[in-house]
Amino acid sequence: HQDWCGPCMTLEPTFRRGAMSTDKCELRCSFLSANIGKFSEQITELIGGEPKKDLVSHGCMPIVLLVKDSACVAPIYGANAPALLEAINTNLPPPPEEEEDPDA
């Protein structure tokens, strides 16, 4: 991602490490960032109602939401790289199967 916000910059090495160590990562997941001020309502809905943290005045603490099948499966509050990597590994779909070359 080219436009990391300040809090996301803290986790950028974690995202890169996860992407580089994940087979066919680009087909299995995406790392996106959102302006919490603009998407507070959608983020609150994703995490199931009232957030544990005040999304608007949370300061510079990163909030990472792992979304699978349109539902938040793991909210990570703060720069907790081990929890983030564990949540990604737990929820990552399997790699797509290789298609056989019909001309082979």
Protein backbone atom coordinates (compact mmCIF):
# COMPACT_ATOMS: atom_id res chain seq x y z
CA HIS A 1 0.00 0.00 0.00
CA GLN A 2 1.43 3.36 -1.03
CA ASP A 3 -0.41 5.79 1.27
CA TRP A 4 0.11 4.41 4.77
CA CYS A 5 -1.15 6.69 7.52
CA GLY A 6 1.10 7.33 10.53
CA PRO A 7 -0.31 4.54 12.75
CA CYS A 8 -0.22 2.08 9.83
CA MET A 9 3.45 2.88 9.24
CA THR A 10 4.13 1.23 12.60
CA LEU A 11 2.70 -2.03 11.28
CA GLU A 12 3.99 -1.76 7.71
CA PRO A 13 6.93 -4.15 8.35
CA THR A 14 4.47 -6.68 9.79
CA PHE A 15 2.21 -6.41 6.74
CA ARG A 16 5.21 -6.76 4.41
CA ARG A 17 6.56 -9.77 6.34
CA GLY A 18 3.15 -11.42 6.24
CA ALA A 19 2.75 -10.74 2.52
CA MET A 20 6.24 -12.00 1.65
CA SER A 21 5.88 -15.20 3.69
CA THR A 22 2.38 -16.05 2.43
CA ASP A 23 2.09 -18.22 -0.65
CA LYS A 24 -0.01 -16.44 -3.31
CA CYS A 25 -0.79 -13.65 -0.86
CA GLU A 26 -2.19 -11.35 -3.56
CA LEU A 27 -4.88 -13.97 -4.32
CA ARG A 28 -5.74 -14.62 -0.68
CA CYS A 29 -5.87 -11.26 1.10
CA SER A 30 -5.60 -7.49 0.81
CA PHE A 31 -4.15 -4.89 3.15
CA LEU A 32 -6.22 -1.70 2.99
CA SER A 33 -6.37 1.44 5.08
CA ALA A 34 -9.33 3.74 5.74
CA ASN A 35 -9.75 7.20 7.20
CA ILE A 36 -11.42 6.49 10.53
CA GLY A 37 -13.05 9.93 10.52
CA LYS A 38 -14.78 9.25 7.22
CA PHE A 39 -15.67 5.60 7.85
CA SER A 40 -16.44 5.57 11.59
CA GLU A 41 -20.03 4.42 11.05
CA GLN A 42 -19.05 1.56 8.75
CA ILE A 43 -16.20 0.48 11.02
CA THR A 44 -18.48 0.53 14.08
CA GLU A 45 -20.98 -1.63 12.19
CA LEU A 46 -18.23 -4.04 11.10
CA ILE A 47 -17.03 -4.62 14.66
CA GLY A 48 -20.56 -5.28 15.86
CA GLY A 49 -22.06 -2.17 17.38
CA GLU A 50 -20.46 -0.05 20.04
CA PRO A 51 -16.70 -0.10 19.67
CA LYS A 52 -14.45 -0.96 22.58
CA LYS A 53 -12.46 2.16 21.78
CA ASP A 54 -13.75 5.61 20.83
CA LEU A 55 -12.97 5.50 17.12
CA VAL A 56 -12.93 9.26 16.56
CA SER A 57 -10.66 10.21 19.46
CA HIS A 58 -8.47 7.12 19.64
CA GLY A 59 -5.36 9.19 18.94
CA CYS A 60 -2.74 7.58 16.77
CA MET A 61 -3.39 4.00 17.90
CA PRO A 62 -3.76 1.69 14.90
CA ILE A 63 -6.90 -0.39 14.69
CA VAL A 64 -6.67 -3.37 12.35
CA LEU A 65 -9.80 -5.24 11.40
CA LEU A 66 -9.52 -8.64 9.77
CA VAL A 67 -12.58 -9.04 7.57
CA LYS A 68 -13.65 -12.37 6.14
CA ASP A 69 -16.93 -12.99 4.32
CA SER A 70 -18.06 -9.41 5.10
CA ALA A 71 -17.66 -9.85 8.86
CA CYS A 72 -14.95 -8.73 11.25
CA VAL A 73 -13.27 -11.91 12.50
CA ALA A 74 -10.55 -10.23 14.55
CA PRO A 75 -10.17 -6.63 15.72
CA ILE A 76 -6.59 -5.80 16.73
CA TYR A 77 -6.18 -2.62 18.80
CA GLY A 78 -2.70 -1.15 18.90
CA ALA A 79 0.53 -2.21 17.23
CA ASN A 80 0.37 -5.84 18.33
CA ALA A 81 2.33 -7.56 15.54
CA PRO A 82 2.23 -11.09 17.07
CA ALA A 83 -1.56 -10.97 17.50
CA LEU A 84 -1.98 -9.58 14.00
CA LEU A 85 0.15 -12.29 12.36
CA GLU A 86 -1.61 -15.01 14.35
CA ALA A 87 -5.04 -13.67 13.36
CA ILE A 88 -4.01 -13.48 9.70
CA ASN A 89 -2.65 -17.05 9.73
CA THR A 90 -5.78 -18.34 11.47
CA ASN A 91 -8.19 -16.69 9.04
CA LEU A 92 -6.32 -16.82 5.74
CA PRO A 93 -8.07 -18.93 3.11
CA PRO A 94 -6.06 -21.76 1.56
CA PRO A 95 -4.09 -20.95 -1.57
CA PRO A 96 -6.01 -21.48 -4.80
CA GLU A 97 -5.25 -24.74 -6.50
CA GLU A 98 -2.99 -24.68 -9.52
CA GLU A 99 -4.89 -24.95 -12.77
CA GLU A 100 -3.52 -27.54 -15.14
CA ASP A 101 -2.29 -26.29 -18.48
CA PRO A 102 -4.66 -27.77 -21.11
CA ASP A 103 -1.88 -27.55 -23.73
CA ALA A 104 0.55 -29.62 -21.63
